[in-house]
Amino acid sequence: MGKTKIEWCDFTLNPIIGCKHGCKYCYAEKMNKRFHFVKDWRKPEYRAGWEKKIPKKPCTIFLGSMTDLMGRWVSDAHISGILYECHLHQEHNFLILTKNPEAYSRINKMFIDNVWFGATVTNEDQQKKAREAKVDFISIEPFTEIFNFRPWKTLKWVIIGGMTPRNNHKRVDAGKLISICKSKKIPVFLK
């Protein structure tokens, strides 16, 4: 676990490190090349004992900043174990962000009220999947295309990313997104 520079959480904690998505803009893969957390980024590794790093003082923890915890390669057993630990630590707020929000249907979210389930949304198709999954929050980053943003009832929070990657994004009117969220009383975090 580490104190983080990610402004919307206090700590990051990675029960699994590595990812099979292959996103060309992935900051985590670049970090792995520099710090060698795992030998092969495309072969994610489960980190036994990760739960011992959960802090005692209440805070907000981003689970899986170095992976996609809902990736198709993550076993149901690992997901259940991770969520069970979240349930045991009600003093914390846990955030999970995925590119596969449809995977949330594999789990029972009802017994875990201290976990917010989020989705990365960079295009119209991902927005549709996030809406259908009834996620709690979305992160719109990186902007890969301009899309017609329409909030939904379960949406509690929107993160609007900065210029990631700096030279590979389309110009987006963040003010318009903020206005839409404001009209629906949805808090926005603008990087």
Protein backbone atom coordinates (compact mmCIF):
# COMPACT_ATOMS: atom_id res chain seq x y z
CA MET A 1 0.00 0.00 0.00
CA GLY A 2 1.18 3.49 -0.60
CA LYS A 3 0.26 7.07 0.09
CA THR A 4 -0.67 8.36 -3.32
CA LYS A 5 -0.55 11.45 -5.48
CA ILE A 6 -3.99 10.48 -6.84
CA GLU A 7 -6.01 13.39 -5.51
CA TRP A 8 -9.31 11.56 -5.07
CA CYS A 9 -8.09 8.96 -2.57
CA ASP A 10 -5.75 8.71 0.41
CA PHE A 11 -4.03 5.42 -0.39
CA THR A 12 -3.73 2.83 -3.11
CA LEU A 13 -3.68 -0.87 -2.37
CA ASN A 14 -3.01 -3.56 -4.96
CA PRO A 15 -4.14 -7.11 -4.20
CA ILE A 16 -3.25 -7.88 -7.84
CA ILE A 17 -0.58 -6.28 -10.01
CA GLY A 18 -0.52 -6.52 -13.80
CA CYS A 19 -3.11 -6.21 -16.52
CA LYS A 20 -4.11 -7.83 -19.80
CA HIS A 21 -6.02 -4.91 -21.35
CA GLY A 22 -3.02 -3.63 -23.30
CA CYS A 23 -4.02 0.04 -23.24
CA LYS A 24 -1.40 2.13 -25.04
CA TYR A 25 -1.83 4.99 -22.54
CA CYS A 26 -1.48 2.85 -19.36
CA TYR A 27 0.37 4.74 -16.61
CA ALA A 28 0.60 1.60 -14.44
CA GLU A 29 2.47 -0.40 -17.07
CA LYS A 30 4.93 2.49 -17.43
CA MET A 31 5.42 2.48 -13.65
CA ASN A 32 6.01 -1.27 -13.73
CA LYS A 33 8.71 -0.84 -16.38
CA ARG A 34 10.46 1.59 -14.07
CA PHE A 35 9.99 -0.15 -10.70
CA HIS A 36 9.58 -3.84 -11.71
CA PHE A 37 6.62 -4.71 -9.47
CA VAL A 38 5.98 -7.84 -11.56
CA LYS A 39 8.18 -9.60 -14.09
CA ASP A 40 5.64 -9.69 -16.92
CA TRP A 41 2.94 -6.99 -16.88
CA ARG A 42 0.65 -9.09 -19.09
CA LYS A 43 0.67 -11.91 -16.49
CA PRO A 44 -1.06 -10.36 -13.45
CA GLU A 45 0.01 -11.64 -10.03
CA TYR A 46 -2.09 -11.96 -6.88
CA ARG A 47 -0.33 -10.54 -3.79
CA ALA A 48 -1.01 -12.82 -0.81
CA GLY A 49 -1.16 -10.89 2.47
CA TRP A 50 -2.23 -7.61 0.85
CA GLU A 51 -4.97 -7.21 3.47
CA LYS A 52 -2.35 -6.82 6.23
CA LYS A 53 -1.46 -3.45 4.69
CA ILE A 54 -4.93 -1.97 5.23
CA PRO A 55 -4.39 1.02 7.56
CA LYS A 56 -6.08 1.34 10.92
CA LYS A 57 -7.07 5.00 10.57
CA PRO A 58 -10.23 5.55 8.45
CA CYS A 59 -9.45 6.66 4.91
CA THR A 60 -10.36 6.28 1.24
CA ILE A 61 -8.49 3.48 -0.53
CA PHE A 62 -8.30 2.96 -4.28
CA LEU A 63 -8.14 -0.82 -4.75
CA GLY A 64 -6.32 -1.94 -7.87
CA SER A 65 -4.50 1.12 -9.16
CA MET A 66 -2.04 -1.29 -10.82
CA THR A 67 -4.62 -3.62 -12.39
CA ASP A 68 -8.27 -4.01 -13.25
CA LEU A 69 -9.77 -5.98 -10.35
CA MET A 70 -12.76 -6.85 -12.51
CA GLY A 71 -10.64 -7.97 -15.45
CA ARG A 72 -11.75 -11.20 -17.07
CA TRP A 73 -8.54 -12.84 -15.88
CA VAL A 74 -9.34 -12.26 -12.16
CA SER A 75 -10.92 -15.31 -10.54
CA ASP A 76 -14.22 -15.13 -8.67
CA ALA A 77 -12.37 -16.48 -5.62
CA HIS A 78 -9.94 -13.55 -5.62
CA ILE A 79 -12.74 -11.03 -6.13
CA SER A 80 -14.78 -12.57 -3.28
CA GLY A 81 -11.77 -12.57 -0.98
CA ILE A 82 -10.97 -8.94 -1.74
CA LEU A 83 -14.56 -7.83 -1.17
CA TYR A 84 -14.76 -9.86 2.04
CA GLU A 85 -11.77 -7.92 3.40
CA CYS A 86 -13.49 -4.66 2.45
CA HIS A 87 -16.57 -5.82 4.36
CA LEU A 88 -14.40 -6.50 7.43
CA HIS A 89 -13.03 -2.94 7.32
CA GLN A 90 -16.15 -0.78 7.46
CA GLU A 91 -14.12 2.16 8.76
CA HIS A 92 -12.71 2.69 5.25
CA ASN A 93 -14.18 3.66 1.90
CA PHE A 94 -12.87 1.49 -0.93
CA LEU A 95 -13.01 2.49 -4.59
CA ILE A 96 -12.78 -0.03 -7.44
CA LEU A 97 -12.44 1.20 -11.01
CA THR A 98 -12.81 -1.11 -14.01
CA LYS A 99 -12.98 -1.12 -17.78
CA ASN A 100 -15.33 -4.14 -17.45
CA PRO A 101 -18.35 -2.86 -15.47
CA GLU A 102 -20.42 -5.79 -16.75
CA ALA A 103 -18.26 -7.96 -14.45
CA TYR A 104 -19.99 -6.41 -11.42
CA SER A 105 -22.90 -8.72 -12.20
CA ARG A 106 -20.65 -11.57 -10.99
CA ILE A 107 -20.75 -10.26 -7.43
CA ASN A 108 -23.30 -9.39 -4.76
CA LYS A 109 -22.73 -5.68 -4.11
CA MET A 110 -25.57 -5.48 -1.60
CA PHE A 111 -23.65 -6.54 1.52
CA ILE A 112 -20.77 -4.13 0.95
CA ASP A 113 -21.81 -0.55 1.55
CA ASN A 114 -18.29 0.83 2.01
CA VAL A 115 -17.21 -0.01 -1.55
CA TRP A 116 -17.94 2.25 -4.49
CA PHE A 117 -17.92 0.41 -7.79
CA GLY A 118 -16.71 2.55 -10.67
CA ALA A 119 -16.05 2.35 -14.38
CA THR A 120 -13.66 4.02 -16.77
CA VAL A 121 -15.65 5.73 -19.49
CA THR A 122 -13.87 7.04 -22.58
CA ASN A 123 -16.52 6.53 -25.25
CA GLU A 124 -20.24 5.97 -25.87
CA ASP A 125 -20.02 2.18 -25.62
CA GLN A 126 -18.28 2.27 -22.23
CA GLN A 127 -20.84 4.80 -20.98
CA LYS A 128 -23.65 2.41 -21.96
CA LYS A 129 -21.98 -0.51 -20.15
CA ALA A 130 -21.43 1.61 -17.03
CA ARG A 131 -25.08 2.70 -17.03
CA GLU A 132 -26.30 -0.89 -17.42
CA ALA A 133 -24.03 -1.99 -14.56
CA LYS A 134 -25.43 0.82 -12.38
CA VAL A 135 -21.96 1.86 -11.21
CA ASP A 136 -21.51 4.32 -8.36
CA PHE A 137 -18.96 6.53 -10.11
CA ILE A 138 -17.16 6.98 -13.39
CA SER A 139 -13.77 8.24 -14.42
CA ILE A 140 -13.74 9.94 -17.81
CA GLU A 141 -10.06 9.60 -18.71
CA PRO A 142 -8.42 9.51 -21.13
CA PHE A 143 -10.76 11.20 -23.53
CA THR A 144 -10.56 9.03 -26.62
CA GLU A 145 -13.67 10.45 -28.24
CA ILE A 146 -16.28 13.08 -27.52
CA PHE A 147 -19.55 11.44 -26.55
CA ASN A 148 -23.02 12.47 -25.43
CA PHE A 149 -22.79 12.21 -21.64
CA ARG A 150 -26.06 11.31 -19.92
CA PRO A 151 -26.00 10.71 -16.12
CA TRP A 152 -28.07 7.95 -14.51
CA LYS A 153 -29.80 7.48 -11.14
CA THR A 154 -27.12 5.43 -9.34
CA LEU A 155 -24.27 7.76 -10.38
CA LYS A 156 -22.83 9.40 -7.24
CA TRP A 157 -19.61 10.93 -8.55
CA VAL A 158 -17.78 11.82 -11.78
CA ILE A 159 -14.03 12.15 -12.16
CA ILE A 160 -12.98 14.14 -15.21
CA GLY A 161 -9.39 13.46 -16.19
CA GLY A 162 -6.81 15.88 -17.35
CA MET A 163 -4.86 15.61 -20.55
CA THR A 164 -4.02 11.92 -20.42
CA PRO A 165 -2.15 11.03 -22.49
CA ARG A 166 -0.94 14.54 -23.20
CA ASN A 167 -0.58 14.19 -26.95
CA ASN A 168 -3.25 11.60 -27.70
CA HIS A 169 -6.61 13.04 -26.70
CA LYS A 170 -9.40 14.94 -28.34
CA ARG A 171 -10.45 18.33 -27.02
CA VAL A 172 -13.41 18.03 -24.67
CA ASP A 173 -15.56 20.71 -23.16
CA ALA A 174 -15.15 19.83 -19.49
CA GLY A 175 -17.37 22.79 -18.60
CA LYS A 176 -20.30 21.15 -20.39
CA LEU A 177 -19.76 17.89 -18.46
CA ILE A 178 -19.56 19.82 -15.19
CA SER A 179 -22.79 21.70 -16.00
CA ILE A 180 -24.61 18.45 -16.72
CA CYS A 181 -23.42 16.95 -13.42
CA LYS A 182 -24.27 20.12 -11.51
CA SER A 183 -27.83 20.08 -12.91
CA LYS A 184 -28.19 16.48 -11.65
CA LYS A 185 -26.48 17.28 -8.30
CA ILE A 186 -23.64 14.84 -9.01
CA PRO A 187 -20.29 15.86 -7.47
CA VAL A 188 -17.40 16.25 -9.93
CA PHE A 189 -13.70 15.88 -9.37
CA LEU A 190 -11.75 17.72 -12.07
CA LYS A 191 -8.09 16.78 -12.36
